[in-house]
Protein backbone atom coordinates (compact mmCIF):
# COMPACT_ATOMS: atom_id res chain seq x y z
CA MET A 1 45.76 77.52 117.44
CA GLY A 2 45.73 76.75 113.08
CA LEU A 3 45.25 73.25 113.96
CA GLY A 4 41.74 73.58 115.50
CA ILE A 5 41.27 76.25 112.67
CA CYS A 6 41.44 72.88 110.78
CA VAL A 7 39.80 70.41 112.85
CA PHE A 8 37.08 72.36 113.09
CA LEU A 9 36.19 73.66 109.94
CA ALA A 10 37.15 69.80 108.66
CA LEU A 11 33.87 69.06 110.73
CA PHE A 12 31.27 71.30 108.36
CA ALA A 13 32.37 67.90 105.91
CA LEU A 14 30.39 65.95 107.87
CA ASP A 15 27.31 67.97 106.76
CA ALA A 16 28.18 66.20 103.27
CA TRP A 17 27.74 62.79 103.64
CA ASP A 18 24.50 61.87 102.27
CA PRO A 19 24.01 57.80 101.73
CA ALA A 20 21.71 57.72 99.08
CA LYS A 21 24.33 59.37 96.58
CA THR A 22 26.86 57.82 94.92
CA GLY A 23 30.48 57.31 96.07
CA THR A 24 32.12 59.63 93.40
CA GLU A 25 29.45 62.18 94.59
CA ARG A 26 29.46 61.65 98.53
CA ALA A 27 33.50 62.01 97.54
CA SER A 28 33.40 64.94 95.64
CA GLU A 29 30.87 67.09 98.24
CA VAL A 30 33.15 65.99 101.45
CA LEU A 31 36.32 67.16 99.32
CA MET A 32 34.53 70.23 98.48
CA HIS A 33 33.31 70.92 102.39
CA LEU A 34 37.17 70.05 103.13
CA LEU A 35 38.62 72.50 101.01
CA PRO A 36 38.57 75.52 103.96
CA SER A 37 40.52 72.91 105.74
CA ILE A 38 42.88 72.29 103.46
CA VAL A 39 43.69 76.13 102.29
CA VAL A 40 43.87 77.31 106.77
CA LEU A 41 46.55 73.53 106.96
CA ALA A 42 48.50 74.86 103.86
CA LEU A 43 48.74 78.60 104.94
CA LEU A 44 50.05 76.97 107.76
CA ALA A 45 52.47 74.78 106.60
CA VAL A 46 53.92 78.26 104.70
CA SER A 47 53.60 80.40 107.70
CA TRP A 48 55.17 77.80 109.94
CA ARG A 49 59.42 79.32 109.76
CA ARG A 50 58.23 82.98 108.13
CA GLN A 51 55.18 83.85 110.61
CA TRP A 52 54.58 87.39 108.82
CA ILE A 53 53.34 84.86 106.54
CA GLY A 54 50.52 83.28 108.84
CA GLY A 55 49.86 86.48 109.79
CA PHE A 56 48.87 88.14 106.41
CA GLY A 57 47.14 84.93 105.35
CA PHE A 58 44.76 84.27 108.46
CA VAL A 59 43.52 88.04 108.45
CA ALA A 60 42.90 87.52 104.91
CA LEU A 61 41.29 84.68 105.50
CA ALA A 62 38.87 86.56 108.29
CA ILE A 63 38.23 89.07 106.04
CA ALA A 64 37.07 87.18 102.88
CA TYR A 65 35.23 84.91 105.38
CA ALA A 66 33.66 88.12 106.76
CA VAL A 67 32.98 89.45 103.62
CA MET A 68 31.35 86.28 102.40
CA VAL A 69 28.85 85.50 104.64
CA LYS A 70 27.89 89.66 104.50
CA PHE A 71 29.23 90.37 108.23
CA ARG A 72 26.33 88.17 109.83
CA LEU A 73 27.86 88.23 113.17
CA ASP A 74 27.09 85.03 114.11
CA TRP A 75 29.25 83.56 111.60
CA VAL A 76 31.95 85.72 111.65
CA ALA A 77 32.50 85.32 115.14
CA VAL A 78 32.35 81.42 114.97
CA ILE A 79 34.79 81.85 112.11
CA SER A 80 36.25 84.84 111.73
CA GLY A 81 37.16 85.70 115.10
CA PRO A 82 39.69 82.48 115.28
CA LEU A 83 40.80 83.77 112.02
CA LEU A 84 41.85 86.69 113.00
CA ALA A 85 43.37 85.56 116.33
CA ALA A 86 45.38 83.68 114.75
CA GLY A 87 46.31 86.02 112.38
CA ALA A 88 47.15 88.30 115.22
CA LEU A 89 49.03 85.25 117.42
CA PHE A 90 51.58 85.01 113.74
CA PHE A 91 51.76 88.67 113.41
CA TRP A 92 53.11 89.00 117.29
CA SER A 93 55.17 85.90 116.58
CA SER A 94 56.84 88.07 113.82
CA VAL A 95 57.47 90.79 115.56
CA ARG A 96 58.80 89.40 119.04
CA GLY A 97 61.18 87.21 116.87
CA ASP A 98 62.01 84.42 119.37
CA SER A 99 65.46 83.72 118.71
CA ARG A 100 64.78 80.23 119.99
CA LEU A 101 62.43 79.48 117.49
CA THR A 102 65.13 80.86 114.52
CA GLN A 103 68.51 79.16 116.17
CA ARG A 104 67.23 75.74 114.13
C-alpha cells in the first residue's frame, strides 16, 4: 500500500513538466513535486522492520496534509485517506506481532 501511495503521489510530478522552461528549471520543479513521494518512500523503508514507526509516521503525514489543505474534504479523502489507512495497517501489524516477519 505504501508503494502504491508513492506512485500515486509521484504522478503529480508530471504536472510540473513545462517544455517552455530550461532543463534545470524543469528538473528542480519535478524534484520539488517528487518530494512527498520521496518522504513516503523513506518512511516506508524505515518502517519495514519496525511497523510502529510506520503507524505513527503515516498517521502524522495524513494529519499534516489535512491541516495543510485546511481540511478540504476532497483532497483529504484522496491523499490523507490512503495515508491514514496505511498507518492503521502498520499499527495493526505492529500490535499483531506476526512471528513470520520477525524470524528472518
